[in-house]
N, C-alpha and C. Protein backbone atom coordinates (compact mmCIF):
# COMPACT_ATOMS: atom_id res chain seq x y z
N MET A 1 20.41 42.46 -66.36
CA MET A 1 21.76 42.86 -65.92
C MET A 1 21.97 42.41 -64.48
N ALA A 2 23.14 41.85 -64.20
CA ALA A 2 23.41 41.38 -62.85
C ALA A 2 23.54 42.54 -61.88
N ASN A 3 23.15 42.30 -60.64
CA ASN A 3 23.25 43.34 -59.63
C ASN A 3 24.72 43.62 -59.32
N GLU A 4 25.05 44.88 -59.22
CA GLU A 4 26.43 45.28 -58.95
C GLU A 4 26.77 45.03 -57.50
N VAL A 5 27.92 44.43 -57.23
CA VAL A 5 28.36 44.19 -55.87
C VAL A 5 29.06 45.44 -55.36
N LYS A 6 28.55 45.96 -54.25
CA LYS A 6 29.12 47.17 -53.67
C LYS A 6 30.20 46.81 -52.67
N HIS A 7 31.31 47.50 -52.73
CA HIS A 7 32.41 47.26 -51.81
C HIS A 7 32.46 48.38 -50.78
N ASP A 8 32.67 47.98 -49.55
CA ASP A 8 32.73 48.95 -48.47
C ASP A 8 34.08 49.65 -48.50
N THR A 9 34.09 50.95 -48.72
CA THR A 9 35.34 51.71 -48.81
C THR A 9 35.59 52.54 -47.56
N LYS A 10 34.70 52.43 -46.57
CA LYS A 10 34.87 53.21 -45.35
C LYS A 10 36.00 52.63 -44.51
N GLU A 11 36.73 53.51 -43.82
CA GLU A 11 37.79 53.07 -42.94
C GLU A 11 37.19 52.40 -41.71
N PRO A 12 37.73 51.25 -41.26
CA PRO A 12 37.20 50.58 -40.08
C PRO A 12 37.35 51.47 -38.85
N GLU A 13 36.39 51.38 -37.93
CA GLU A 13 36.46 52.16 -36.70
C GLU A 13 37.60 51.64 -35.83
N LYS A 14 38.36 52.56 -35.24
CA LYS A 14 39.47 52.20 -34.38
C LYS A 14 39.33 52.90 -33.05
N ASP A 15 39.83 52.24 -31.97
CA ASP A 15 39.80 52.89 -30.67
C ASP A 15 41.06 53.73 -30.51
N GLU A 16 41.27 54.28 -29.31
CA GLU A 16 42.40 55.19 -29.09
C GLU A 16 43.75 54.49 -29.26
N SER A 17 43.79 53.18 -29.06
CA SER A 17 45.05 52.46 -29.21
C SER A 17 45.33 52.08 -30.66
N GLY A 18 44.37 52.37 -31.56
CA GLY A 18 44.56 52.08 -32.97
C GLY A 18 44.08 50.72 -33.40
N ILE A 19 43.51 49.94 -32.48
CA ILE A 19 43.01 48.61 -32.80
C ILE A 19 41.61 48.72 -33.40
N GLU A 20 41.39 48.04 -34.51
CA GLU A 20 40.08 48.07 -35.12
C GLU A 20 39.05 47.53 -34.14
N GLU A 21 37.95 48.25 -34.01
CA GLU A 21 36.96 47.97 -32.97
C GLU A 21 36.41 46.54 -33.05
N TRP A 22 36.16 46.02 -34.25
CA TRP A 22 35.55 44.70 -34.37
C TRP A 22 36.44 43.59 -33.84
N LYS A 23 37.77 43.81 -33.84
CA LYS A 23 38.69 42.79 -33.35
C LYS A 23 38.63 42.62 -31.83
N LYS A 24 38.00 43.58 -31.14
CA LYS A 24 37.90 43.53 -29.69
C LYS A 24 36.60 42.88 -29.23
N ARG A 25 35.70 42.61 -30.17
CA ARG A 25 34.39 42.06 -29.82
C ARG A 25 34.28 40.59 -30.22
N ALA A 26 33.48 39.86 -29.45
CA ALA A 26 33.17 38.47 -29.84
C ALA A 26 32.35 38.51 -31.13
N PRO A 27 32.55 37.58 -32.04
CA PRO A 27 33.36 36.36 -31.91
C PRO A 27 34.81 36.52 -32.36
N TYR A 28 35.24 37.75 -32.67
CA TYR A 28 36.56 37.94 -33.30
C TYR A 28 37.70 38.18 -32.31
N ARG A 29 37.38 38.65 -31.12
CA ARG A 29 38.47 38.98 -30.21
C ARG A 29 39.20 37.71 -29.77
N ILE A 30 40.50 37.84 -29.60
CA ILE A 30 41.32 36.71 -29.17
C ILE A 30 41.32 36.67 -27.65
N HIS A 31 40.95 35.52 -27.08
CA HIS A 31 40.90 35.37 -25.64
C HIS A 31 42.30 35.42 -25.04
N ASP A 32 42.42 36.11 -23.94
CA ASP A 32 43.69 36.20 -23.23
C ASP A 32 44.02 34.86 -22.59
N LYS A 33 45.30 34.56 -22.45
CA LYS A 33 45.71 33.29 -21.85
C LYS A 33 45.20 33.14 -20.42
N ASN A 34 45.00 34.24 -19.73
CA ASN A 34 44.53 34.20 -18.35
C ASN A 34 43.02 34.00 -18.24
N GLU A 35 42.32 33.95 -19.36
CA GLU A 35 40.87 33.81 -19.33
C GLU A 35 40.42 32.37 -19.19
N ASN A 36 41.35 31.43 -19.20
CA ASN A 36 41.03 30.02 -19.04
C ASN A 36 40.04 29.54 -20.10
N PHE A 37 40.32 29.86 -21.35
CA PHE A 37 39.49 29.39 -22.46
C PHE A 37 39.86 27.93 -22.74
N LYS A 38 38.96 27.02 -22.38
CA LYS A 38 39.23 25.60 -22.53
C LYS A 38 38.80 25.14 -23.92
N HIS A 39 39.75 24.95 -24.81
CA HIS A 39 39.39 24.56 -26.17
C HIS A 39 39.21 23.05 -26.27
N LEU A 40 38.10 22.66 -26.87
CA LEU A 40 37.77 21.24 -27.05
C LEU A 40 37.93 20.79 -28.50
N TYR A 41 37.82 21.75 -29.42
CA TYR A 41 37.94 21.44 -30.84
C TYR A 41 38.83 22.47 -31.52
N GLU A 42 39.48 22.05 -32.60
CA GLU A 42 40.25 22.95 -33.44
C GLU A 42 39.74 22.85 -34.87
N ALA A 43 39.80 23.97 -35.58
CA ALA A 43 39.31 24.00 -36.96
C ALA A 43 40.14 24.98 -37.77
N SER A 44 40.08 24.84 -39.08
CA SER A 44 40.81 25.76 -39.95
C SER A 44 40.17 25.78 -41.32
N CYS A 45 40.48 26.82 -42.08
CA CYS A 45 40.01 26.91 -43.46
C CYS A 45 40.87 26.00 -44.34
N HIS A 46 40.63 25.97 -45.63
CA HIS A 46 41.35 25.06 -46.53
C HIS A 46 42.84 25.38 -46.61
N CYS A 47 43.19 26.66 -46.67
CA CYS A 47 44.61 27.03 -46.81
C CYS A 47 45.32 27.12 -45.46
N GLY A 48 44.57 27.10 -44.36
CA GLY A 48 45.17 27.13 -43.04
C GLY A 48 45.46 28.52 -42.49
N ALA A 49 45.14 29.56 -43.24
CA ALA A 49 45.41 30.92 -42.77
C ALA A 49 44.53 31.28 -41.57
N VAL A 50 43.31 30.76 -41.56
CA VAL A 50 42.38 31.04 -40.47
C VAL A 50 42.24 29.78 -39.61
N GLU A 51 42.53 29.92 -38.32
CA GLU A 51 42.41 28.82 -37.37
C GLU A 51 41.62 29.28 -36.16
N TYR A 52 40.76 28.40 -35.67
CA TYR A 52 40.02 28.77 -34.46
C TYR A 52 39.79 27.56 -33.55
N GLU A 53 39.40 27.85 -32.31
CA GLU A 53 39.11 26.82 -31.31
C GLU A 53 37.68 27.00 -30.81
N LEU A 54 37.11 25.92 -30.28
CA LEU A 54 35.77 25.97 -29.69
C LEU A 54 35.83 25.43 -28.27
N SER A 55 35.07 26.06 -27.37
CA SER A 55 35.07 25.65 -25.97
C SER A 55 33.82 24.88 -25.56
N ARG A 56 32.81 24.84 -26.39
CA ARG A 56 31.56 24.14 -26.06
C ARG A 56 31.58 22.73 -26.65
N LYS A 57 31.20 21.75 -25.83
CA LYS A 57 31.25 20.35 -26.27
C LYS A 57 30.27 20.06 -27.39
N GLU A 58 29.05 20.57 -27.27
CA GLU A 58 28.03 20.34 -28.28
C GLU A 58 27.44 21.67 -28.72
N PRO A 59 27.10 21.81 -29.98
CA PRO A 59 26.46 23.05 -30.43
C PRO A 59 25.08 23.22 -29.80
N LEU A 60 24.62 24.45 -29.74
CA LEU A 60 23.27 24.71 -29.23
C LEU A 60 22.24 24.04 -30.13
N ASP A 61 22.55 23.95 -31.39
CA ASP A 61 21.70 23.24 -32.35
C ASP A 61 22.55 22.92 -33.58
N SER A 62 22.10 21.94 -34.33
CA SER A 62 22.81 21.55 -35.56
C SER A 62 21.76 21.25 -36.62
N LYS A 63 21.83 21.95 -37.75
CA LYS A 63 20.77 21.86 -38.75
C LYS A 63 21.34 21.73 -40.16
N LEU A 64 20.52 21.19 -41.04
CA LEU A 64 20.82 21.15 -42.46
C LEU A 64 19.85 22.11 -43.14
N CYS A 65 20.39 23.14 -43.79
CA CYS A 65 19.55 24.18 -44.39
C CYS A 65 19.50 24.02 -45.91
N HIS A 66 18.28 24.01 -46.44
CA HIS A 66 18.07 23.82 -47.88
C HIS A 66 17.60 25.10 -48.56
N CYS A 67 17.73 26.26 -47.91
CA CYS A 67 17.25 27.50 -48.53
C CYS A 67 18.09 27.82 -49.77
N THR A 68 17.51 28.54 -50.69
CA THR A 68 18.19 28.83 -51.96
C THR A 68 19.43 29.70 -51.76
N THR A 69 19.43 30.55 -50.72
CA THR A 69 20.61 31.37 -50.44
C THR A 69 21.80 30.48 -50.08
N CYS A 70 21.58 29.51 -49.20
CA CYS A 70 22.66 28.59 -48.82
C CYS A 70 23.11 27.75 -50.01
N GLN A 71 22.16 27.33 -50.83
CA GLN A 71 22.52 26.55 -52.01
C GLN A 71 23.46 27.34 -52.92
N THR A 72 23.14 28.62 -53.12
CA THR A 72 23.95 29.46 -54.00
C THR A 72 25.29 29.82 -53.37
N GLN A 73 25.27 30.24 -52.09
CA GLN A 73 26.48 30.68 -51.42
C GLN A 73 27.51 29.54 -51.28
N HIS A 74 27.02 28.32 -51.08
CA HIS A 74 27.93 27.19 -50.87
C HIS A 74 28.08 26.32 -52.11
N ALA A 75 27.35 26.66 -53.18
CA ALA A 75 27.39 25.85 -54.40
C ALA A 75 27.18 24.38 -54.07
N ALA A 76 26.17 24.13 -53.24
CA ALA A 76 25.88 22.78 -52.76
C ALA A 76 24.37 22.63 -52.56
N PRO A 77 23.87 21.40 -52.50
CA PRO A 77 22.43 21.21 -52.34
C PRO A 77 21.89 21.68 -51.00
N PHE A 78 22.74 21.69 -49.96
CA PHE A 78 22.32 22.21 -48.66
C PHE A 78 23.55 22.52 -47.82
N GLN A 79 23.31 23.20 -46.69
CA GLN A 79 24.39 23.64 -45.81
C GLN A 79 24.23 22.98 -44.44
N TRP A 80 25.33 22.52 -43.87
CA TRP A 80 25.35 21.96 -42.52
C TRP A 80 25.88 23.03 -41.58
N ALA A 81 25.06 23.47 -40.65
CA ALA A 81 25.45 24.56 -39.75
C ALA A 81 25.23 24.18 -38.30
N ALA A 82 26.19 24.51 -37.45
CA ALA A 82 26.10 24.29 -36.01
C ALA A 82 26.09 25.65 -35.31
N ILE A 83 25.15 25.82 -34.41
CA ILE A 83 24.95 27.12 -33.76
C ILE A 83 25.71 27.19 -32.44
N PHE A 84 26.47 28.28 -32.26
CA PHE A 84 27.23 28.51 -31.04
C PHE A 84 27.03 29.95 -30.58
N LYS A 85 27.36 30.19 -29.30
CA LYS A 85 27.41 31.56 -28.80
C LYS A 85 28.70 32.20 -29.29
N LYS A 86 28.70 33.51 -29.37
CA LYS A 86 29.88 34.20 -29.92
C LYS A 86 31.11 34.06 -29.04
N ASP A 87 30.91 33.82 -27.74
CA ASP A 87 32.05 33.66 -26.84
C ASP A 87 32.60 32.24 -26.82
N ASP A 88 31.97 31.34 -27.56
CA ASP A 88 32.43 29.94 -27.60
C ASP A 88 33.60 29.74 -28.53
N ILE A 89 33.96 30.76 -29.30
CA ILE A 89 35.01 30.62 -30.31
C ILE A 89 36.20 31.51 -29.98
N ASN A 90 37.37 31.03 -30.29
CA ASN A 90 38.60 31.81 -30.12
C ASN A 90 39.47 31.63 -31.36
N PHE A 91 39.78 32.72 -32.03
CA PHE A 91 40.62 32.65 -33.23
C PHE A 91 42.09 32.56 -32.82
N LYS A 92 42.73 31.46 -33.17
CA LYS A 92 44.16 31.29 -32.90
C LYS A 92 44.99 32.10 -33.88
N ASN A 93 44.49 32.18 -35.10
CA ASN A 93 45.27 32.83 -36.15
C ASN A 93 44.33 33.26 -37.28
N GLY A 94 44.67 34.38 -37.91
CA GLY A 94 44.01 34.76 -39.15
C GLY A 94 42.70 35.52 -39.04
N HIS A 95 42.34 36.03 -37.85
CA HIS A 95 41.08 36.78 -37.82
C HIS A 95 41.21 38.08 -38.60
N HIS A 96 42.45 38.51 -38.89
CA HIS A 96 42.67 39.67 -39.76
C HIS A 96 42.61 39.26 -41.24
N ASP A 97 42.51 37.95 -41.49
CA ASP A 97 42.40 37.45 -42.87
C ASP A 97 40.96 37.09 -43.23
N LEU A 98 40.02 37.63 -42.48
CA LEU A 98 38.61 37.34 -42.73
C LEU A 98 37.98 38.39 -43.64
N GLU A 99 36.96 37.96 -44.34
CA GLU A 99 36.25 38.84 -45.27
C GLU A 99 34.75 38.65 -45.04
N TRP A 100 34.00 39.74 -45.10
CA TRP A 100 32.56 39.68 -44.85
C TRP A 100 31.77 39.86 -46.14
N TYR A 101 30.55 39.35 -46.10
CA TYR A 101 29.63 39.56 -47.23
C TYR A 101 28.21 39.63 -46.70
N ASP A 102 27.54 40.72 -47.02
CA ASP A 102 26.14 40.92 -46.63
C ASP A 102 25.26 40.49 -47.80
N PRO A 103 24.59 39.32 -47.71
CA PRO A 103 23.80 38.84 -48.84
C PRO A 103 22.57 39.68 -49.14
N THR A 104 22.12 40.47 -48.17
CA THR A 104 20.94 41.31 -48.39
C THR A 104 21.26 42.47 -49.32
N SER A 105 22.34 43.20 -49.01
CA SER A 105 22.74 44.34 -49.84
C SER A 105 23.76 43.96 -50.91
N LYS A 106 24.23 42.69 -50.86
CA LYS A 106 25.26 42.20 -51.79
C LYS A 106 26.51 43.08 -51.76
N SER A 107 26.96 43.36 -50.54
CA SER A 107 28.14 44.19 -50.34
C SER A 107 29.09 43.50 -49.36
N LYS A 108 30.32 44.00 -49.30
CA LYS A 108 31.32 43.44 -48.39
C LYS A 108 31.37 44.21 -47.08
N GLU A 109 30.24 44.65 -46.62
CA GLU A 109 30.16 45.37 -45.35
C GLU A 109 30.00 44.39 -44.20
N HIS A 110 30.52 44.78 -43.03
CA HIS A 110 30.28 43.99 -41.82
C HIS A 110 28.95 44.44 -41.24
N LYS A 111 27.89 43.93 -41.83
CA LYS A 111 26.53 44.31 -41.48
C LYS A 111 25.75 43.04 -41.16
N LEU A 112 25.32 42.92 -39.90
CA LEU A 112 24.69 41.69 -39.44
C LEU A 112 23.25 41.57 -39.91
N PRO A 113 22.85 40.31 -40.25
CA PRO A 113 23.66 39.10 -40.33
C PRO A 113 24.50 39.07 -41.60
N CYS A 114 25.66 38.42 -41.52
CA CYS A 114 26.55 38.39 -42.68
C CYS A 114 27.30 37.07 -42.78
N LYS A 115 27.89 36.85 -43.95
CA LYS A 115 28.72 35.68 -44.20
C LYS A 115 30.17 36.04 -43.92
N VAL A 116 30.95 35.08 -43.42
CA VAL A 116 32.36 35.31 -43.11
C VAL A 116 33.19 34.23 -43.79
N ARG A 117 34.26 34.64 -44.47
CA ARG A 117 35.10 33.67 -45.16
C ARG A 117 36.57 34.08 -45.09
N CYS A 118 37.46 33.14 -45.43
CA CYS A 118 38.88 33.44 -45.54
C CYS A 118 39.11 34.22 -46.83
N LYS A 119 39.86 35.30 -46.75
CA LYS A 119 40.07 36.13 -47.94
C LYS A 119 41.10 35.53 -48.89
N HIS A 120 41.78 34.47 -48.46
CA HIS A 120 42.80 33.84 -49.32
C HIS A 120 42.22 32.66 -50.11
N CYS A 121 41.67 31.67 -49.41
CA CYS A 121 41.14 30.48 -50.10
C CYS A 121 39.63 30.53 -50.28
N TYR A 122 39.00 31.56 -49.68
CA TYR A 122 37.54 31.78 -49.80
C TYR A 122 36.70 30.70 -49.13
N SER A 123 37.31 29.92 -48.24
CA SER A 123 36.52 28.94 -47.49
C SER A 123 35.51 29.65 -46.60
N PRO A 124 34.24 29.24 -46.62
CA PRO A 124 33.27 29.82 -45.69
C PRO A 124 33.67 29.45 -44.26
N ILE A 125 33.72 30.43 -43.37
CA ILE A 125 34.09 30.19 -41.98
C ILE A 125 32.86 30.10 -41.09
N MET A 126 31.94 31.03 -41.26
CA MET A 126 30.73 31.04 -40.43
C MET A 126 29.74 32.07 -40.96
N ASP A 127 28.54 31.99 -40.45
CA ASP A 127 27.55 33.06 -40.61
C ASP A 127 27.47 33.75 -39.26
N GLU A 128 27.64 35.07 -39.24
CA GLU A 128 27.54 35.81 -37.99
C GLU A 128 26.17 36.47 -37.89
N GLY A 129 25.43 36.12 -36.86
CA GLY A 129 24.15 36.75 -36.60
C GLY A 129 24.29 37.82 -35.55
N ARG A 130 23.17 38.36 -35.11
CA ARG A 130 23.21 39.42 -34.11
C ARG A 130 23.58 38.89 -32.73
N ASN A 131 23.19 37.65 -32.44
CA ASN A 131 23.44 37.08 -31.12
C ASN A 131 24.25 35.79 -31.16
N MET A 132 24.19 35.08 -32.25
CA MET A 132 24.85 33.78 -32.36
C MET A 132 25.70 33.71 -33.63
N ILE A 133 26.46 32.61 -33.74
CA ILE A 133 27.20 32.32 -34.96
C ILE A 133 26.84 30.92 -35.44
N LEU A 134 26.83 30.74 -36.75
CA LEU A 134 26.59 29.43 -37.37
C LEU A 134 27.90 28.96 -37.98
N LEU A 135 28.48 27.95 -37.37
CA LEU A 135 29.75 27.40 -37.85
C LEU A 135 29.52 26.20 -38.75
N PHE A 136 30.55 25.87 -39.53
CA PHE A 136 30.44 24.76 -40.46
C PHE A 136 31.31 23.60 -39.97
N PRO A 137 30.69 22.53 -39.45
CA PRO A 137 31.43 21.42 -38.83
C PRO A 137 32.45 20.76 -39.75
N SER A 138 32.30 20.89 -41.05
CA SER A 138 33.26 20.25 -41.96
C SER A 138 34.66 20.87 -41.85
N LEU A 139 34.79 22.02 -41.18
CA LEU A 139 36.10 22.63 -40.97
C LEU A 139 36.79 22.11 -39.71
N ILE A 140 36.02 21.44 -38.85
CA ILE A 140 36.54 20.98 -37.56
C ILE A 140 37.34 19.69 -37.72
N LYS A 141 38.45 19.62 -37.02
CA LYS A 141 39.31 18.43 -37.07
C LYS A 141 38.89 17.46 -35.96
N PHE A 142 37.87 16.67 -36.24
CA PHE A 142 37.36 15.72 -35.25
C PHE A 142 38.37 14.61 -35.01
N LYS A 143 38.49 14.21 -33.74
CA LYS A 143 39.45 13.18 -33.37
C LYS A 143 38.81 11.82 -33.12
N SER A 144 37.49 11.76 -33.12
CA SER A 144 36.80 10.49 -32.88
C SER A 144 35.40 10.54 -33.46
N ASP A 145 34.77 9.38 -33.58
CA ASP A 145 33.39 9.32 -34.05
C ASP A 145 32.45 9.98 -33.06
N GLN A 146 32.79 9.90 -31.77
CA GLN A 146 31.95 10.52 -30.75
C GLN A 146 31.92 12.03 -30.91
N GLU A 147 33.08 12.62 -31.21
CA GLU A 147 33.10 14.07 -31.44
C GLU A 147 32.23 14.44 -32.63
N LYS A 148 32.29 13.64 -33.68
CA LYS A 148 31.43 13.89 -34.83
C LYS A 148 29.96 13.78 -34.45
N ALA A 149 29.66 12.78 -33.61
CA ALA A 149 28.27 12.56 -33.19
C ALA A 149 27.72 13.74 -32.41
N ASN A 150 28.59 14.47 -31.71
CA ASN A 150 28.15 15.64 -30.96
C ASN A 150 27.57 16.71 -31.88
N PHE A 151 27.97 16.68 -33.14
CA PHE A 151 27.53 17.69 -34.11
C PHE A 151 26.48 17.15 -35.08
N LYS A 152 25.98 15.96 -34.80
CA LYS A 152 25.02 15.34 -35.71
C LYS A 152 23.81 16.25 -35.94
N PRO A 153 23.43 16.48 -37.19
CA PRO A 153 22.27 17.34 -37.48
C PRO A 153 21.00 16.79 -36.83
N ARG A 154 20.18 17.70 -36.33
CA ARG A 154 18.95 17.31 -35.64
C ARG A 154 17.71 17.48 -36.50
N LEU A 155 17.82 18.25 -37.57
CA LEU A 155 16.66 18.47 -38.43
C LEU A 155 17.08 19.10 -39.75
N HIS A 156 16.14 19.13 -40.68
CA HIS A 156 16.30 19.84 -41.95
C HIS A 156 15.37 21.06 -41.92
N MET A 157 15.86 22.20 -42.39
CA MET A 157 14.98 23.37 -42.49
C MET A 157 14.94 23.85 -43.95
N PHE A 158 13.85 24.53 -44.27
CA PHE A 158 13.58 24.96 -45.65
C PHE A 158 13.65 23.78 -46.62
N TYR A 159 13.18 22.64 -46.15
CA TYR A 159 13.22 21.42 -46.96
C TYR A 159 12.31 21.52 -48.18
N GLY A 160 11.34 22.43 -48.13
CA GLY A 160 10.47 22.64 -49.28
C GLY A 160 11.21 23.22 -50.47
N GLN A 161 12.41 23.80 -50.24
CA GLN A 161 13.22 24.37 -51.31
C GLN A 161 14.34 23.42 -51.77
N ARG A 162 14.29 22.19 -51.30
CA ARG A 162 15.37 21.24 -51.58
C ARG A 162 15.51 20.94 -53.07
N VAL A 163 16.72 20.58 -53.46
CA VAL A 163 16.98 20.16 -54.84
C VAL A 163 17.23 18.66 -54.91
N MET A 164 17.26 18.01 -53.73
CA MET A 164 17.41 16.56 -53.67
C MET A 164 16.79 16.05 -52.38
N ASP A 165 16.30 14.82 -52.40
CA ASP A 165 15.73 14.20 -51.21
C ASP A 165 16.85 13.62 -50.35
N VAL A 166 16.66 13.70 -49.02
CA VAL A 166 17.64 13.16 -48.09
C VAL A 166 16.91 12.21 -47.13
N PRO A 167 16.88 10.92 -47.42
CA PRO A 167 16.14 9.95 -46.60
C PRO A 167 16.90 9.52 -45.35
N ASP A 168 17.00 10.42 -44.37
CA ASP A 168 17.79 10.12 -43.17
C ASP A 168 16.94 9.98 -41.91
N GLY A 169 15.62 10.13 -42.01
CA GLY A 169 14.77 9.96 -40.85
C GLY A 169 14.70 11.15 -39.92
N LEU A 170 15.38 12.25 -40.25
CA LEU A 170 15.33 13.45 -39.41
C LEU A 170 14.07 14.26 -39.71
N PRO A 171 13.59 15.05 -38.73
CA PRO A 171 12.45 15.94 -38.99
C PRO A 171 12.78 16.92 -40.12
N LYS A 172 11.82 17.17 -40.97
CA LYS A 172 12.03 18.05 -42.12
C LYS A 172 10.94 19.12 -42.12
N TRP A 173 11.38 20.40 -42.06
CA TRP A 173 10.46 21.52 -41.93
C TRP A 173 10.48 22.38 -43.19
N THR A 174 9.31 22.93 -43.52
CA THR A 174 9.23 23.78 -44.71
C THR A 174 9.94 25.10 -44.49
N GLY A 175 10.02 25.56 -43.23
CA GLY A 175 10.68 26.81 -42.89
C GLY A 175 11.81 26.57 -41.91
N LEU A 176 11.95 27.49 -40.93
CA LEU A 176 13.02 27.36 -39.95
C LEU A 176 12.87 26.11 -39.10
N ASN A 177 11.81 26.06 -38.30
CA ASN A 177 11.52 24.87 -37.50
C ASN A 177 10.15 25.01 -36.85
N GLU A 178 9.86 24.12 -35.94
CA GLU A 178 8.54 24.07 -35.32
C GLU A 178 8.21 25.38 -34.59
N GLY A 179 6.97 25.82 -34.70
CA GLY A 179 6.52 26.99 -33.97
C GLY A 179 6.83 28.30 -34.63
N GLU A 180 7.38 28.29 -35.84
CA GLU A 180 7.73 29.52 -36.53
C GLU A 180 7.07 29.56 -37.91
N GLY A 181 5.81 29.12 -37.94
CA GLY A 181 5.08 29.12 -39.21
C GLY A 181 5.57 28.10 -40.19
N SER A 182 6.23 27.06 -39.69
CA SER A 182 6.79 26.03 -40.55
C SER A 182 6.02 24.73 -40.36
N ASN A 183 5.83 24.00 -41.43
CA ASN A 183 5.11 22.73 -41.38
C ASN A 183 6.08 21.56 -41.52
N LEU A 184 5.76 20.49 -40.81
CA LEU A 184 6.58 19.29 -40.89
C LEU A 184 6.22 18.49 -42.14
N ILE A 185 7.22 18.20 -42.95
CA ILE A 185 7.02 17.43 -44.17
C ILE A 185 7.17 15.95 -43.85
N GLU A 186 6.30 15.14 -44.44
CA GLU A 186 6.38 13.70 -44.19
C GLU A 186 7.77 13.19 -44.52
N ASP A 187 8.31 12.40 -43.60
CA ASP A 187 9.69 11.92 -43.76
C ASP A 187 9.74 10.75 -44.74
N SER A 188 10.93 10.21 -44.90
CA SER A 188 11.17 9.12 -45.84
C SER A 188 10.47 7.84 -45.38
N PRO A 189 10.24 6.90 -46.31
CA PRO A 189 9.64 5.61 -45.95
C PRO A 189 10.45 4.91 -44.86
N PRO A 190 9.78 4.31 -43.86
CA PRO A 190 10.48 3.67 -42.74
C PRO A 190 11.51 2.63 -43.16
N ASP A 191 11.21 1.86 -44.22
CA ASP A 191 12.15 0.81 -44.64
C ASP A 191 13.46 1.41 -45.14
N MET A 192 13.38 2.60 -45.79
CA MET A 192 14.60 3.27 -46.27
C MET A 192 15.42 3.78 -45.09
N VAL A 193 14.73 4.33 -44.09
CA VAL A 193 15.41 4.85 -42.91
C VAL A 193 16.09 3.72 -42.14
N LYS A 194 15.39 2.58 -41.99
CA LYS A 194 15.95 1.44 -41.27
C LYS A 194 17.19 0.90 -41.99
N GLU A 195 17.13 0.83 -43.30
CA GLU A 195 18.26 0.32 -44.08
C GLU A 195 19.46 1.25 -43.95
N LEU A 196 19.21 2.56 -43.98
CA LEU A 196 20.28 3.53 -43.83
C LEU A 196 20.92 3.42 -42.45
N GLU A 197 20.08 3.26 -41.41
CA GLU A 197 20.59 3.13 -40.05
C GLU A 197 21.38 1.84 -39.89
N ARG A 198 20.92 0.74 -40.53
CA ARG A 198 21.63 -0.53 -40.47
C ARG A 198 23.03 -0.40 -41.05
N LYS A 199 23.14 0.31 -42.17
CA LYS A 199 24.44 0.52 -42.81
C LYS A 199 25.36 1.36 -41.92
N ARG A 200 24.79 2.37 -41.26
CA ARG A 200 25.60 3.21 -40.38
C ARG A 200 26.14 2.41 -39.19
N VAL A 201 25.26 1.56 -38.61
CA VAL A 201 25.69 0.73 -37.48
C VAL A 201 26.79 -0.23 -37.91
N GLN A 202 26.63 -0.83 -39.09
CA GLN A 202 27.64 -1.76 -39.60
C GLN A 202 28.96 -1.04 -39.87
N GLU A 203 28.88 0.17 -40.43
CA GLU A 203 30.10 0.95 -40.69
C GLU A 203 30.79 1.30 -39.38
N GLN A 204 29.99 1.61 -38.36
CA GLN A 204 30.56 1.93 -37.05
C GLN A 204 31.28 0.70 -36.48
N LYS A 205 30.67 -0.48 -36.58
CA LYS A 205 31.29 -1.71 -36.09
C LYS A 205 32.58 -2.00 -36.84
N ASP A 206 32.56 -1.79 -38.15
CA ASP A 206 33.75 -2.03 -38.97
C ASP A 206 34.90 -1.12 -38.56
N ARG A 207 34.57 0.15 -38.25
CA ARG A 207 35.62 1.09 -37.82
C ARG A 207 36.22 0.69 -36.48
N VAL A 208 35.35 0.20 -35.57
CA VAL A 208 35.82 -0.23 -34.26
C VAL A 208 36.76 -1.43 -34.40
N GLU A 209 36.37 -2.38 -35.25
CA GLU A 209 37.19 -3.58 -35.46
C GLU A 209 38.54 -3.24 -36.08
N LYS A 210 38.57 -2.19 -36.90
CA LYS A 210 39.82 -1.79 -37.56
C LYS A 210 40.64 -0.83 -36.69
N GLY A 211 40.07 -0.47 -35.52
CA GLY A 211 40.79 0.44 -34.62
C GLY A 211 40.80 1.86 -35.08
N GLU A 212 39.81 2.23 -35.92
CA GLU A 212 39.75 3.59 -36.45
C GLU A 212 38.86 4.51 -35.63
N ASN A 213 38.34 4.01 -34.51
CA ASN A 213 37.39 4.80 -33.72
C ASN A 213 38.02 5.33 -32.44
N LYS A 214 39.32 5.32 -32.38
CA LYS A 214 40.00 5.79 -31.17
C LYS A 214 40.15 7.30 -31.21
N ALA A 215 40.02 7.94 -30.02
CA ALA A 215 40.18 9.39 -29.92
C ALA A 215 41.64 9.77 -30.08
């Protein structure tokens, strides 16, 4: 029998002004115009109800996760996640249209760490941890190849749980990463990596010649 999904029926905590407490805390609170939040990137869910900005040029880290939880939650072979501080994000619109999911208890409670998605189109928005957030770069509206390059994945984690091989020449770890009880898995054959890199360089040159690489 499938595990029953529990729904949180408790009323959200509110302060004296009636504002739900979570809306006042990062990453959900909306930055005031006087706070000089310099947005460098804009992103949105599929339906556009949820929109946010980012103020950091490059993520603290960018990884491809092959764990079975990510495979199931995203219905994909792996997840691309970029790590940011909670104050690096500002919701322009729709933070009241967010929905939480705690994969540990399989409930819709705002219990860290948890998954966050749009309640309308169900696009995954981020994973919220206790100190950081994991954003999904595919939601970001990049304006140039250089902006995309800023988010380039630096490694694969939980590669031992993969459902497909990814011959990209990046470090591949059985667990989270180096120094956390994880072992480095031998990477793809050098000739495959060189051929893949050659194709990427050629594609980059083709885009420049066509004028598609302008910011």
